[in-house]
Amino acid sequence: MAYETLPQMLSRIDLFAGVPREVLDDLVQRGARLTTQPGRRVVEQGGTDAGLQVVLDGGAEVLVNDEPRGSIKPGDYFGEISLIDGAPRSATIVTGPDGMTTFALSSMVFAPVIAENPTVARCLLQALCARIRAVEGASVDAP
């Protein structure tokens, strides 16, 4: 597999699809890489920390009210809801057996990027709307 830069990876996820390369480069400069050991909680449901994390390597399990809700892998992300509304975390994320490396953006870093770049806000809104539609569709299809 060919080497992929962080801006290239970010451009492939729905939150940043269509965001100009110079804005992605700016986001990379403002963010940080975080490594979490296996079996650790990355974020805690109800926690007041806010920030977006994109999984670069490894993976984790998503828990809501201590019930498994799926897993996340490279290219997935979490924290976008609390990043926007500042409300407590809606899920707990626990790293898998290989741990996890993420690219993280705090709300303090991300807010000015949204204010300066309407394209980022538009991409974020489109991604969140797609998630809402998927959830609504799943609940309609459920027995």
C-alpha atoms as a PDB file:
ATOM      1  CA  MET A   1       0.000   0.000   0.000  1.00  0.00           C
ATOM      2  CA  ALA A   2       1.283   3.443  -0.896  1.00  0.00           C
ATOM      3  CA  TYR A   3       2.133   5.967   1.793  1.00  0.00           C
ATOM      4  CA  GLU A   4      -0.721   8.358   2.451  1.00  0.00           C
ATOM      5  CA  THR A   5      -0.249  11.757   4.065  1.00  0.00           C
ATOM      6  CA  LEU A   6      -2.512  12.905   6.872  1.00  0.00           C
ATOM      7  CA  PRO A   7      -4.172  15.592   4.703  1.00  0.00           C
ATOM      8  CA  GLN A   8      -4.863  12.926   2.053  1.00  0.00           C
ATOM      9  CA  MET A   9      -6.443  10.648   4.650  1.00  0.00           C
ATOM     10  CA  LEU A  10      -8.562  13.472   6.065  1.00  0.00           C
ATOM     11  CA  SER A  11      -9.799  14.362   2.566  1.00  0.00           C
ATOM     12  CA  ARG A  12     -11.245  10.839   2.210  1.00  0.00           C
ATOM     13  CA  ILE A  13     -13.543  11.032   5.247  1.00  0.00           C
ATOM     14  CA  ASP A  14     -16.980  12.592   4.932  1.00  0.00           C
ATOM     15  CA  LEU A  15     -16.327  15.363   7.465  1.00  0.00           C
ATOM     16  CA  PHE A  16     -13.594  16.836   5.296  1.00  0.00           C
ATOM     17  CA  ALA A  17     -14.552  15.762   1.767  1.00  0.00           C
ATOM     18  CA  GLY A  18     -14.429  18.846  -0.420  1.00  0.00           C
ATOM     19  CA  VAL A  19     -12.342  20.887   2.011  1.00  0.00           C
ATOM     20  CA  PRO A  20      -9.477  22.649   0.170  1.00  0.00           C
ATOM     21  CA  ARG A  21      -6.002  21.159   0.630  1.00  0.00           C
ATOM     22  CA  GLU A  22      -4.629  24.331   2.256  1.00  0.00           C
ATOM     23  CA  VAL A  23      -7.342  24.128   4.930  1.00  0.00           C
ATOM     24  CA  LEU A  24      -6.534  20.453   5.550  1.00  0.00           C
ATOM     25  CA  ASP A  25      -2.853  21.367   5.872  1.00  0.00           C
ATOM     26  CA  ASP A  26      -3.825  24.049   8.396  1.00  0.00           C
ATOM     27  CA  LEU A  27      -5.898  21.532  10.390  1.00  0.00           C
ATOM     28  CA  VAL A  28      -2.965  19.123  10.487  1.00  0.00           C
ATOM     29  CA  GLN A  29      -0.729  21.889  11.847  1.00  0.00           C
ATOM     30  CA  ARG A  30      -3.278  22.739  14.561  1.00  0.00           C
ATOM     31  CA  GLY A  31      -3.979  19.143  15.634  1.00  0.00           C
ATOM     32  CA  ALA A  32      -1.987  16.472  17.447  1.00  0.00           C
ATOM     33  CA  ARG A  33      -1.381  12.741  17.209  1.00  0.00           C
ATOM     34  CA  LEU A  34      -2.433  10.779  20.269  1.00  0.00           C
ATOM     35  CA  THR A  35      -1.519   7.177  21.084  1.00  0.00           C
ATOM     36  CA  THR A  36      -3.597   5.213  23.582  1.00  0.00           C
ATOM     37  CA  GLN A  37      -2.549   1.828  24.946  1.00  0.00           C
ATOM     38  CA  PRO A  38      -4.762  -1.295  24.571  1.00  0.00           C
ATOM     39  CA  GLY A  39      -7.853  -1.555  26.770  1.00  0.00           C
ATOM     40  CA  ARG A  40      -7.892   2.116  27.799  1.00  0.00           C
ATOM     41  CA  ARG A  41     -10.809   4.519  27.720  1.00  0.00           C
ATOM     42  CA  VAL A  42     -10.120   7.286  25.245  1.00  0.00           C
ATOM     43  CA  VAL A  43     -13.266   9.225  26.111  1.00  0.00           C
ATOM     44  CA  GLU A  44     -15.957   8.594  28.704  1.00  0.00           C
ATOM     45  CA  GLN A  45     -19.709   8.918  28.122  1.00  0.00           C
ATOM     46  CA  GLY A  46     -20.863  11.999  30.006  1.00  0.00           C
ATOM     47  CA  GLY A  47     -17.355  13.503  29.978  1.00  0.00           C
ATOM     48  CA  THR A  48     -17.120  17.218  29.362  1.00  0.00           C
ATOM     49  CA  ASP A  49     -13.982  17.186  27.234  1.00  0.00           C
ATOM     50  CA  ALA A  50     -14.698  18.109  23.626  1.00  0.00           C
ATOM     51  CA  GLY A  51     -12.705  17.286  20.563  1.00  0.00           C
ATOM     52  CA  LEU A  52     -12.675  15.349  17.350  1.00  0.00           C
ATOM     53  CA  GLN A  53     -10.432  12.325  16.857  1.00  0.00           C
ATOM     54  CA  VAL A  54      -9.785  10.522  13.575  1.00  0.00           C
ATOM     55  CA  VAL A  55      -8.463   6.961  13.901  1.00  0.00           C
ATOM     56  CA  LEU A  56      -5.125   6.561  12.128  1.00  0.00           C
ATOM     57  CA  ASP A  57      -4.102   3.120  13.403  1.00  0.00           C
ATOM     58  CA  GLY A  58      -5.610   0.424  15.607  1.00  0.00           C
ATOM     59  CA  GLY A  59      -9.203   0.460  16.701  1.00  0.00           C
ATOM     60  CA  ALA A  60     -11.682   0.651  19.532  1.00  0.00           C
ATOM     61  CA  GLU A  61     -15.095  -0.391  20.749  1.00  0.00           C
ATOM     62  CA  VAL A  62     -17.948   2.100  21.133  1.00  0.00           C
ATOM     63  CA  LEU A  63     -20.092   1.748  24.266  1.00  0.00           C
ATOM     64  CA  VAL A  64     -23.309   3.602  25.082  1.00  0.00           C
ATOM     65  CA  ASN A  65     -24.596   3.032  28.607  1.00  0.00           C
ATOM     66  CA  ASP A  66     -21.977   0.231  28.839  1.00  0.00           C
ATOM     67  CA  GLU A  67     -23.598  -1.608  25.894  1.00  0.00           C
ATOM     68  CA  PRO A  68     -21.480  -2.329  22.773  1.00  0.00           C
ATOM     69  CA  ARG A  69     -22.554  -0.236  19.793  1.00  0.00           C
ATOM     70  CA  GLY A  70     -19.933  -1.239  17.261  1.00  0.00           C
ATOM     71  CA  SER A  71     -16.302  -0.667  16.621  1.00  0.00           C
ATOM     72  CA  ILE A  72     -14.158   1.965  14.962  1.00  0.00           C
ATOM     73  CA  LYS A  73     -11.148   1.461  12.719  1.00  0.00           C
ATOM     74  CA  PRO A  74      -8.683   3.574  10.738  1.00  0.00           C
ATOM     75  CA  GLY A  75     -10.525   6.282   8.819  1.00  0.00           C
ATOM     76  CA  ASP A  76     -13.386   6.416  11.333  1.00  0.00           C
ATOM     77  CA  TYR A  77     -13.819   9.316  13.742  1.00  0.00           C
ATOM     78  CA  PHE A  78     -15.551  10.245  16.967  1.00  0.00           C
ATOM     79  CA  GLY A  79     -16.226  13.365  19.001  1.00  0.00           C
ATOM     80  CA  GLU A  80     -17.767  15.422  16.215  1.00  0.00           C
ATOM     81  CA  ILE A  81     -21.003  15.967  18.140  1.00  0.00           C
ATOM     82  CA  SER A  82     -19.390  17.304  21.320  1.00  0.00           C
ATOM     83  CA  LEU A  83     -17.002  19.308  19.168  1.00  0.00           C
ATOM     84  CA  ILE A  84     -19.960  21.228  17.770  1.00  0.00           C
ATOM     85  CA  ASP A  85     -22.386  21.529  20.669  1.00  0.00           C
ATOM     86  CA  GLY A  86     -20.043  21.328  23.673  1.00  0.00           C
ATOM     87  CA  ALA A  87     -22.437  18.923  25.413  1.00  0.00           C
ATOM     88  CA  PRO A  88     -21.106  15.885  27.323  1.00  0.00           C
ATOM     89  CA  ARG A  89     -19.814  12.879  25.393  1.00  0.00           C
ATOM     90  CA  SER A  90     -22.544  10.575  24.069  1.00  0.00           C
ATOM     91  CA  ALA A  91     -20.405   7.397  24.138  1.00  0.00           C
ATOM     92  CA  THR A  92     -17.396   5.747  25.725  1.00  0.00           C
ATOM     93  CA  ILE A  93     -14.537   4.673  23.448  1.00  0.00           C
ATOM     94  CA  VAL A  94     -12.289   1.793  24.641  1.00  0.00           C
ATOM     95  CA  THR A  95      -9.193   0.865  22.643  1.00  0.00           C
ATOM     96  CA  GLY A  96      -8.831  -2.615  21.217  1.00  0.00           C
ATOM     97  CA  PRO A  97      -6.005  -5.131  21.658  1.00  0.00           C
ATOM     98  CA  ASP A  98      -3.589  -3.132  19.478  1.00  0.00           C
ATOM     99  CA  GLY A  99      -4.289   0.233  21.086  1.00  0.00           C
ATOM    100  CA  MET A 100      -5.057   3.175  18.877  1.00  0.00           C
ATOM    101  CA  THR A 101      -3.409   6.213  17.321  1.00  0.00           C
ATOM    102  CA  THR A 102      -5.615   9.163  16.452  1.00  0.00           C
ATOM    103  CA  PHE A 103      -5.354  12.638  15.010  1.00  0.00           C
ATOM    104  CA  ALA A 104      -7.072  14.987  17.470  1.00  0.00           C
ATOM    105  CA  LEU A 105      -8.510  18.476  17.161  1.00  0.00           C
ATOM    106  CA  SER A 106      -9.746  20.310  20.235  1.00  0.00           C
ATOM    107  CA  SER A 107     -12.821  22.518  20.074  1.00  0.00           C
ATOM    108  CA  MET A 108     -10.626  25.557  20.801  1.00  0.00           C
ATOM    109  CA  VAL A 109      -8.544  24.765  17.717  1.00  0.00           C
ATOM    110  CA  PHE A 110     -11.456  23.759  15.504  1.00  0.00           C
ATOM    111  CA  ALA A 111     -13.813  26.709  16.168  1.00  0.00           C
ATOM    112  CA  PRO A 112     -11.679  29.316  14.359  1.00  0.00           C
ATOM    113  CA  VAL A 113     -11.208  26.957  11.403  1.00  0.00           C
ATOM    114  CA  ILE A 114     -14.994  26.720  11.004  1.00  0.00           C
ATOM    115  CA  ALA A 115     -15.370  30.495  11.379  1.00  0.00           C
ATOM    116  CA  GLU A 116     -12.690  31.153   8.736  1.00  0.00           C
ATOM    117  CA  ASN A 117     -13.758  28.406   6.302  1.00  0.00           C
ATOM    118  CA  PRO A 118     -17.464  27.990   5.516  1.00  0.00           C
ATOM    119  CA  THR A 119     -16.582  24.919   3.420  1.00  0.00           C
ATOM    120  CA  VAL A 120     -15.578  23.079   6.598  1.00  0.00           C
ATOM    121  CA  ALA A 121     -18.870  23.957   8.290  1.00  0.00           C
ATOM    122  CA  ARG A 122     -20.831  22.827   5.229  1.00  0.00           C
ATOM    123  CA  CYS A 123     -18.982  19.479   5.072  1.00  0.00           C
ATOM    124  CA  LEU A 124     -19.551  18.941   8.776  1.00  0.00           C
ATOM    125  CA  LEU A 125     -23.276  19.653   8.457  1.00  0.00           C
ATOM    126  CA  GLN A 126     -23.623  17.315   5.475  1.00  0.00           C
ATOM    127  CA  ALA A 127     -21.850  14.476   7.314  1.00  0.00           C
ATOM    128  CA  LEU A 128     -24.000  14.921  10.412  1.00  0.00           C
ATOM    129  CA  CYS A 129     -27.193  15.046   8.342  1.00  0.00           C
ATOM    130  CA  ALA A 130     -26.168  11.796   6.627  1.00  0.00           C
ATOM    131  CA  ARG A 131     -25.686  10.164  10.044  1.00  0.00           C
ATOM    132  CA  ILE A 132     -29.093  11.358  11.233  1.00  0.00           C
ATOM    133  CA  ARG A 133     -30.736   9.995   8.084  1.00  0.00           C
ATOM    134  CA  ALA A 134     -28.962   6.649   8.545  1.00  0.00           C
ATOM    135  CA  VAL A 135     -30.143   6.388  12.153  1.00  0.00           C
ATOM    136  CA  GLU A 136     -33.692   7.362  11.205  1.00  0.00           C
ATOM    137  CA  GLY A 137     -33.657   4.832   8.377  1.00  0.00           C
ATOM    138  CA  ALA A 138     -32.420   2.087  10.696  1.00  0.00           C
ATOM    139  CA  SER A 139     -35.138   2.824  13.247  1.00  0.00           C
ATOM    140  CA  VAL A 140     -37.834   2.729  10.545  1.00  0.00           C
ATOM    141  CA  ASP A 141     -36.540  -0.656   9.325  1.00  0.00           C
ATOM    142  CA  ALA A 142     -36.308  -2.122  12.845  1.00  0.00           C
ATOM    143  CA  PRO A 143     -39.074  -4.582  13.823  1.00  0.00           C
END
